[in-house]
Amino acid sequence: MEQRIIATNPTKGCALPKLGKKEMKILPLDCLATFFEEAKRSGVFELYYIDLSTGLRRGELLGLKWSDIDLKKGIICVQRQILRQNGAVVEAPLKTKNSYRNIAIGTDTIELLRQMKQQSTSEYVFPSPTGDPISPDSVLHMLQRVLKRAGLEKIPFHSLRHTFSVMALQNGVDIKTLSAMLGHYFAGFTLDTYAHVTTDMQAKAANTVSSFLSGAIP
């Protein structure tokens, strides 16, 4: 239409199909110890622990370099991702400007990263045996193997990010803070994504307020 090749937009007025929401899967919180135990036996504990403690996307996690991490301040600067393009594993820019962000990390994660850095010979936090970035496919396959060995249901790698989000919400992290940590465009998207969690939290909050008011009735 812009080039005046056609006079009208043939897609205008088309009825779009409704998108069905996929059921969100997370790593069962009561099975975290079992999962971590098997991850340690498989030599990949650090990878999955740090992902579960930061909520990073798979590509963002694999794109981390030691220069992105300030261990003194406890901050990770997310500024690239690792993708497979045309059969090659490459560095790539992040999808949106909101994906470029700083994430605060806890003391346990800082100590784990400090120990890893002392033994590292690569610029990447999670390098391949050759020191290059790890293939995103390989960490997914390893996740499935760890889950199988631990007797747990298979889940997509992205479910680790969902698990982080659910843990954060259930432990009092507000939706706006979580949205910023996840690199979402706006908090409303985060709220919609995790509506089931916030609904449960609202019910608990309502009961808490109700109990407080009941105690004030003479």
C-alpha atoms as a PDB file:
ATOM      1  CA  MET A   1       0.000   0.000   0.000  1.00  0.00           C
ATOM      2  CA  GLU A   2       2.820   2.419   0.836  1.00  0.00           C
ATOM      3  CA  GLN A   3       4.343   1.822  -2.598  1.00  0.00           C
ATOM      4  CA  ARG A   4       0.882   2.146  -4.222  1.00  0.00           C
ATOM      5  CA  ILE A   5       1.152  -1.361  -5.690  1.00  0.00           C
ATOM      6  CA  ILE A   6      -2.201  -2.317  -4.165  1.00  0.00           C
ATOM      7  CA  ALA A   7      -5.064  -0.008  -3.277  1.00  0.00           C
ATOM      8  CA  THR A   8      -6.375  -1.687  -0.138  1.00  0.00           C
ATOM      9  CA  ASN A   9      -5.021  -3.836   2.661  1.00  0.00           C
ATOM     10  CA  PRO A  10      -6.370  -7.392   2.113  1.00  0.00           C
ATOM     11  CA  THR A  11      -5.867  -8.277   5.772  1.00  0.00           C
ATOM     12  CA  LYS A  12      -7.984  -5.410   7.065  1.00  0.00           C
ATOM     13  CA  GLY A  13     -11.052  -6.690   8.859  1.00  0.00           C
ATOM     14  CA  CYS A  14      -9.811 -10.274   9.137  1.00  0.00           C
ATOM     15  CA  ALA A  15     -10.976 -12.061  12.271  1.00  0.00           C
ATOM     16  CA  LEU A  16      -7.884 -13.124  14.172  1.00  0.00           C
ATOM     17  CA  PRO A  17      -7.933 -16.399  16.108  1.00  0.00           C
ATOM     18  CA  LYS A  18      -7.825 -16.127  19.861  1.00  0.00           C
ATOM     19  CA  LEU A  19      -4.519 -17.104  21.374  1.00  0.00           C
ATOM     20  CA  GLY A  20      -4.886 -19.883  23.882  1.00  0.00           C
ATOM     21  CA  LYS A  21      -2.691 -19.538  26.944  1.00  0.00           C
ATOM     22  CA  LYS A  22      -0.328 -22.419  27.485  1.00  0.00           C
ATOM     23  CA  GLU A  23      -0.253 -23.901  30.951  1.00  0.00           C
ATOM     24  CA  MET A  24       2.726 -22.475  32.793  1.00  0.00           C
ATOM     25  CA  LYS A  25       5.101 -25.091  34.096  1.00  0.00           C
ATOM     26  CA  ILE A  26       7.548 -24.510  36.918  1.00  0.00           C
ATOM     27  CA  LEU A  27      10.044 -26.617  38.784  1.00  0.00           C
ATOM     28  CA  PRO A  28       8.128 -27.910  41.841  1.00  0.00           C
ATOM     29  CA  LEU A  29       9.432 -25.879  44.770  1.00  0.00           C
ATOM     30  CA  ASP A  30       9.347 -28.868  47.095  1.00  0.00           C
ATOM     31  CA  CYS A  31      11.646 -30.700  44.655  1.00  0.00           C
ATOM     32  CA  LEU A  32      14.369 -28.053  44.469  1.00  0.00           C
ATOM     33  CA  ALA A  33      16.683 -29.958  46.801  1.00  0.00           C
ATOM     34  CA  THR A  34      16.347 -33.111  44.683  1.00  0.00           C
ATOM     35  CA  PHE A  35      16.982 -31.121  41.513  1.00  0.00           C
ATOM     36  CA  PHE A  36      20.073 -29.383  42.913  1.00  0.00           C
ATOM     37  CA  GLU A  37      21.464 -32.664  44.238  1.00  0.00           C
ATOM     38  CA  GLU A  38      21.276 -34.237  40.780  1.00  0.00           C
ATOM     39  CA  ALA A  39      22.608 -31.060  39.139  1.00  0.00           C
ATOM     40  CA  LYS A  40      25.674 -31.249  41.394  1.00  0.00           C
ATOM     41  CA  ARG A  41      26.252 -34.887  40.455  1.00  0.00           C
ATOM     42  CA  SER A  42      25.998 -33.886  36.787  1.00  0.00           C
ATOM     43  CA  GLY A  43      28.431 -30.984  37.189  1.00  0.00           C
ATOM     44  CA  VAL A  44      25.940 -28.281  36.184  1.00  0.00           C
ATOM     45  CA  PHE A  45      24.747 -27.024  39.568  1.00  0.00           C
ATOM     46  CA  GLU A  46      26.142 -23.492  39.116  1.00  0.00           C
ATOM     47  CA  LEU A  47      24.403 -22.938  35.785  1.00  0.00           C
ATOM     48  CA  TYR A  48      20.933 -23.803  37.020  1.00  0.00           C
ATOM     49  CA  TYR A  49      21.326 -22.270  40.481  1.00  0.00           C
ATOM     50  CA  ILE A  50      22.296 -18.901  39.033  1.00  0.00           C
ATOM     51  CA  ASP A  51      19.466 -19.030  36.521  1.00  0.00           C
ATOM     52  CA  LEU A  52      16.956 -19.806  39.261  1.00  0.00           C
ATOM     53  CA  SER A  53      18.333 -16.970  41.411  1.00  0.00           C
ATOM     54  CA  THR A  54      18.228 -14.334  38.658  1.00  0.00           C
ATOM     55  CA  GLY A  55      15.418 -15.285  36.267  1.00  0.00           C
ATOM     56  CA  LEU A  56      17.637 -14.717  33.234  1.00  0.00           C
ATOM     57  CA  ARG A  57      16.556 -15.961  29.829  1.00  0.00           C
ATOM     58  CA  ARG A  58      18.630 -18.853  28.498  1.00  0.00           C
ATOM     59  CA  GLY A  59      20.481 -16.737  25.940  1.00  0.00           C
ATOM     60  CA  GLU A  60      21.141 -13.995  28.506  1.00  0.00           C
ATOM     61  CA  LEU A  61      22.565 -16.501  30.970  1.00  0.00           C
ATOM     62  CA  LEU A  62      24.932 -17.998  28.405  1.00  0.00           C
ATOM     63  CA  GLY A  63      25.960 -14.530  27.219  1.00  0.00           C
ATOM     64  CA  LEU A  64      27.207 -13.444  30.645  1.00  0.00           C
ATOM     65  CA  LYS A  65      30.844 -12.397  30.830  1.00  0.00           C
ATOM     66  CA  TRP A  66      32.869 -11.753  33.965  1.00  0.00           C
ATOM     67  CA  SER A  67      33.127  -8.107  32.916  1.00  0.00           C
ATOM     68  CA  ASP A  68      29.322  -7.882  33.292  1.00  0.00           C
ATOM     69  CA  ILE A  69      29.410  -8.779  36.980  1.00  0.00           C
ATOM     70  CA  ASP A  70      30.282  -6.478  39.878  1.00  0.00           C
ATOM     71  CA  LEU A  71      30.807  -8.840  42.783  1.00  0.00           C
ATOM     72  CA  LYS A  72      31.443  -6.001  45.237  1.00  0.00           C
ATOM     73  CA  LYS A  73      28.133  -4.296  44.522  1.00  0.00           C
ATOM     74  CA  GLY A  74      26.300  -7.552  43.778  1.00  0.00           C
ATOM     75  CA  ILE A  75      25.061  -6.523  40.348  1.00  0.00           C
ATOM     76  CA  ILE A  76      24.815  -8.324  37.001  1.00  0.00           C
ATOM     77  CA  CYS A  77      24.639  -6.200  33.861  1.00  0.00           C
ATOM     78  CA  VAL A  78      22.626  -7.996  31.162  1.00  0.00           C
ATOM     79  CA  GLN A  79      23.761  -6.754  27.750  1.00  0.00           C
ATOM     80  CA  ARG A  80      23.924  -9.623  25.249  1.00  0.00           C
ATOM     81  CA  GLN A  81      22.559 -13.073  24.466  1.00  0.00           C
ATOM     82  CA  ILE A  82      23.843 -16.246  22.852  1.00  0.00           C
ATOM     83  CA  LEU A  83      21.836 -17.652  19.952  1.00  0.00           C
ATOM     84  CA  ARG A  84      22.191 -20.318  17.308  1.00  0.00           C
ATOM     85  CA  GLN A  85      22.012 -18.661  13.889  1.00  0.00           C
ATOM     86  CA  ASN A  86      22.506 -20.539  10.636  1.00  0.00           C
ATOM     87  CA  GLY A  87      23.985 -23.442  12.550  1.00  0.00           C
ATOM     88  CA  ALA A  88      26.529 -21.296  14.410  1.00  0.00           C
ATOM     89  CA  VAL A  89      26.541 -20.264  18.090  1.00  0.00           C
ATOM     90  CA  VAL A  90      26.900 -16.471  18.114  1.00  0.00           C
ATOM     91  CA  GLU A  91      26.627 -13.411  20.329  1.00  0.00           C
ATOM     92  CA  ALA A  92      23.607 -11.230  19.534  1.00  0.00           C
ATOM     93  CA  PRO A  93      21.982  -8.030  20.834  1.00  0.00           C
ATOM     94  CA  LEU A  94      19.050  -8.365  23.200  1.00  0.00           C
ATOM     95  CA  LYS A  95      15.526  -8.234  21.796  1.00  0.00           C
ATOM     96  CA  THR A  96      14.316  -4.983  23.369  1.00  0.00           C
ATOM     97  CA  LYS A  97      15.764  -1.988  25.174  1.00  0.00           C
ATOM     98  CA  ASN A  98      14.112  -3.189  28.392  1.00  0.00           C
ATOM     99  CA  SER A  99      16.128  -6.387  28.176  1.00  0.00           C
ATOM    100  CA  TYR A 100      19.261  -4.325  28.827  1.00  0.00           C
ATOM    101  CA  ARG A 101      19.171  -4.093  32.579  1.00  0.00           C
ATOM    102  CA  ASN A 102      21.034  -4.436  35.871  1.00  0.00           C
ATOM    103  CA  ILE A 103      20.025  -7.195  38.268  1.00  0.00           C
ATOM    104  CA  ALA A 104      20.876  -7.306  41.957  1.00  0.00           C
ATOM    105  CA  ILE A 105      22.053 -10.700  43.222  1.00  0.00           C
ATOM    106  CA  GLY A 106      22.041 -12.192  46.705  1.00  0.00           C
ATOM    107  CA  THR A 107      25.018 -12.994  48.900  1.00  0.00           C
ATOM    108  CA  ASP A 108      24.897 -16.742  48.203  1.00  0.00           C
ATOM    109  CA  THR A 109      24.939 -16.107  44.448  1.00  0.00           C
ATOM    110  CA  ILE A 110      27.797 -13.620  44.840  1.00  0.00           C
ATOM    111  CA  GLU A 111      29.868 -16.171  46.767  1.00  0.00           C
ATOM    112  CA  LEU A 112      29.162 -18.883  44.209  1.00  0.00           C
ATOM    113  CA  LEU A 113      30.214 -16.585  41.358  1.00  0.00           C
ATOM    114  CA  ARG A 114      33.349 -15.568  43.250  1.00  0.00           C
ATOM    115  CA  GLN A 115      34.376 -19.210  43.600  1.00  0.00           C
ATOM    116  CA  MET A 116      33.665 -19.837  39.916  1.00  0.00           C
ATOM    117  CA  LYS A 117      35.676 -16.795  38.825  1.00  0.00           C
ATOM    118  CA  GLN A 118      38.741 -18.011  40.714  1.00  0.00           C
ATOM    119  CA  GLN A 119      38.730 -21.208  38.652  1.00  0.00           C
ATOM    120  CA  SER A 120      37.702 -19.665  35.325  1.00  0.00           C
ATOM    121  CA  THR A 121      40.032 -19.212  32.329  1.00  0.00           C
ATOM    122  CA  SER A 122      37.377 -17.836  29.952  1.00  0.00           C
ATOM    123  CA  GLU A 123      35.758 -14.426  29.588  1.00  0.00           C
ATOM    124  CA  TYR A 124      32.381 -16.189  29.702  1.00  0.00           C
ATOM    125  CA  VAL A 125      30.820 -17.175  33.018  1.00  0.00           C
ATOM    126  CA  PHE A 126      29.525 -20.409  31.460  1.00  0.00           C
ATOM    127  CA  PRO A 127      31.953 -21.364  28.679  1.00  0.00           C
ATOM    128  CA  SER A 128      32.126 -24.502  26.586  1.00  0.00           C
ATOM    129  CA  PRO A 129      35.173 -26.785  27.065  1.00  0.00           C
ATOM    130  CA  THR A 130      36.959 -24.693  24.404  1.00  0.00           C
ATOM    131  CA  GLY A 131      36.220 -21.427  26.218  1.00  0.00           C
ATOM    132  CA  ASP A 132      33.633 -20.319  23.685  1.00  0.00           C
ATOM    133  CA  PRO A 133      29.916 -19.778  24.431  1.00  0.00           C
ATOM    134  CA  ILE A 134      27.838 -22.879  25.154  1.00  0.00           C
ATOM    135  CA  SER A 135      25.188 -23.885  22.643  1.00  0.00           C
ATOM    136  CA  PRO A 136      21.685 -23.026  23.923  1.00  0.00           C
ATOM    137  CA  ASP A 137      20.549 -26.486  22.774  1.00  0.00           C
ATOM    138  CA  SER A 138      23.101 -28.285  24.931  1.00  0.00           C
ATOM    139  CA  VAL A 139      21.985 -26.664  28.202  1.00  0.00           C
ATOM    140  CA  LEU A 140      18.382 -27.592  27.415  1.00  0.00           C
ATOM    141  CA  HIS A 141      19.333 -31.220  26.731  1.00  0.00           C
ATOM    142  CA  MET A 142      21.335 -31.316  29.963  1.00  0.00           C
ATOM    143  CA  LEU A 143      18.357 -29.901  31.884  1.00  0.00           C
ATOM    144  CA  GLN A 144      16.152 -32.702  30.572  1.00  0.00           C
ATOM    145  CA  ARG A 145      18.747 -35.304  31.579  1.00  0.00           C
ATOM    146  CA  VAL A 146      19.060 -33.849  35.085  1.00  0.00           C
ATOM    147  CA  LEU A 147      15.281 -33.801  35.490  1.00  0.00           C
ATOM    148  CA  LYS A 148      14.989 -37.390  34.288  1.00  0.00           C
ATOM    149  CA  ARG A 149      17.721 -38.620  36.639  1.00  0.00           C
ATOM    150  CA  ALA A 150      16.062 -36.765  39.508  1.00  0.00           C
ATOM    151  CA  GLY A 151      12.708 -38.399  38.704  1.00  0.00           C
ATOM    152  CA  LEU A 152      11.089 -35.078  37.845  1.00  0.00           C
ATOM    153  CA  GLU A 153       8.786 -34.109  34.983  1.00  0.00           C
ATOM    154  CA  LYS A 154      10.446 -32.567  31.939  1.00  0.00           C
ATOM    155  CA  ILE A 155       9.987 -28.808  31.624  1.00  0.00           C
ATOM    156  CA  PRO A 156      11.198 -26.205  29.099  1.00  0.00           C
ATOM    157  CA  PHE A 157      14.275 -24.194  30.042  1.00  0.00           C
ATOM    158  CA  HIS A 158      12.088 -21.080  30.219  1.00  0.00           C
ATOM    159  CA  SER A 159      10.261 -22.710  33.127  1.00  0.00           C
ATOM    160  CA  LEU A 160      13.269 -21.967  35.321  1.00  0.00           C
ATOM    161  CA  ARG A 161      12.560 -18.271  34.709  1.00  0.00           C
ATOM    162  CA  HIS A 162       8.921 -18.851  35.668  1.00  0.00           C
ATOM    163  CA  THR A 163      10.072 -20.667  38.809  1.00  0.00           C
ATOM    164  CA  PHE A 164      12.207 -17.672  39.805  1.00  0.00           C
ATOM    165  CA  SER A 165       9.237 -15.357  39.296  1.00  0.00           C
ATOM    166  CA  VAL A 166       6.872 -17.470  41.367  1.00  0.00           C
ATOM    167  CA  MET A 167       9.412 -17.730  44.212  1.00  0.00           C
ATOM    168  CA  ALA A 168       9.967 -13.961  44.107  1.00  0.00           C
ATOM    169  CA  LEU A 169       6.253 -13.151  44.260  1.00  0.00           C
ATOM    170  CA  GLN A 170       5.541 -15.663  47.002  1.00  0.00           C
ATOM    171  CA  ASN A 171       8.339 -14.166  49.077  1.00  0.00           C
ATOM    172  CA  GLY A 172       7.109 -10.590  48.912  1.00  0.00           C
ATOM    173  CA  VAL A 173       8.809  -9.100  45.832  1.00  0.00           C
ATOM    174  CA  ASP A 174       6.443  -6.521  44.338  1.00  0.00           C
ATOM    175  CA  ILE A 175       5.310  -6.853  40.735  1.00  0.00           C
ATOM    176  CA  LYS A 176       7.065  -3.706  39.487  1.00  0.00           C
ATOM    177  CA  THR A 177      10.426  -4.788  40.892  1.00  0.00           C
ATOM    178  CA  LEU A 178       9.991  -8.260  39.437  1.00  0.00           C
ATOM    179  CA  SER A 179       9.046  -6.802  36.053  1.00  0.00           C
ATOM    180  CA  ALA A 180      12.256  -4.753  35.980  1.00  0.00           C
ATOM    181  CA  MET A 181      14.351  -7.789  36.956  1.00  0.00           C
ATOM    182  CA  LEU A 182      12.769  -9.855  34.194  1.00  0.00           C
ATOM    183  CA  GLY A 183      13.274  -7.125  31.600  1.00  0.00           C
ATOM    184  CA  HIS A 184       9.584  -6.896  30.728  1.00  0.00           C
ATOM    185  CA  TYR A 185       8.301  -3.882  28.809  1.00  0.00           C
ATOM    186  CA  PHE A 186       5.790  -2.934  31.503  1.00  0.00           C
ATOM    187  CA  ALA A 187       4.555  -4.301  34.802  1.00  0.00           C
ATOM    188  CA  GLY A 188       1.113  -5.069  33.402  1.00  0.00           C
ATOM    189  CA  PHE A 189       2.566  -7.832  31.262  1.00  0.00           C
ATOM    190  CA  THR A 190       4.237  -9.369  34.309  1.00  0.00           C
ATOM    191  CA  LEU A 191       1.009  -9.088  36.281  1.00  0.00           C
ATOM    192  CA  ASP A 192      -0.954 -10.786  33.508  1.00  0.00           C
ATOM    193  CA  THR A 193       1.635 -13.559  33.145  1.00  0.00           C
ATOM    194  CA  TYR A 194       1.615 -14.405  36.848  1.00  0.00           C
ATOM    195  CA  ALA A 195      -2.010 -13.538  37.610  1.00  0.00           C
ATOM    196  CA  HIS A 196      -2.602 -16.955  39.212  1.00  0.00           C
ATOM    197  CA  VAL A 197       0.158 -16.300  41.743  1.00  0.00           C
ATOM    198  CA  THR A 198      -0.956 -12.778  42.577  1.00  0.00           C
ATOM    199  CA  THR A 199      -4.573 -13.966  42.963  1.00  0.00           C
ATOM    200  CA  ASP A 200      -3.465 -16.412  45.652  1.00  0.00           C
ATOM    201  CA  MET A 201      -1.443 -13.646  47.303  1.00  0.00           C
ATOM    202  CA  GLN A 202      -4.459 -11.338  47.280  1.00  0.00           C
ATOM    203  CA  ALA A 203      -6.542 -14.014  48.993  1.00  0.00           C
ATOM    204  CA  LYS A 204      -3.903 -14.369  51.721  1.00  0.00           C
ATOM    205  CA  ALA A 205      -3.711 -10.593  52.074  1.00  0.00           C
ATOM    206  CA  ALA A 206      -7.499 -10.364  52.378  1.00  0.00           C
ATOM    207  CA  ASN A 207      -7.515 -13.012  55.105  1.00  0.00           C
ATOM    208  CA  THR A 208      -4.705 -11.223  56.938  1.00  0.00           C
ATOM    209  CA  VAL A 209      -6.589  -7.912  56.891  1.00  0.00           C
ATOM    210  CA  SER A 210      -9.831  -9.645  57.867  1.00  0.00           C
ATOM    211  CA  SER A 211      -8.156 -11.283  60.870  1.00  0.00           C
ATOM    212  CA  PHE A 212      -6.680  -7.946  61.935  1.00  0.00           C
ATOM    213  CA  LEU A 213     -10.069  -6.212  61.707  1.00  0.00           C
ATOM    214  CA  SER A 214     -11.812  -9.042  63.540  1.00  0.00           C
ATOM    215  CA  GLY A 215      -9.332  -8.670  66.379  1.00  0.00           C
ATOM    216  CA  ALA A 216     -10.208  -4.995  66.661  1.00  0.00           C
ATOM    217  CA  ILE A 217     -13.937  -5.601  67.160  1.00  0.00           C
ATOM    218  CA  PRO A 218     -14.882  -5.060  70.821  1.00  0.00           C
END
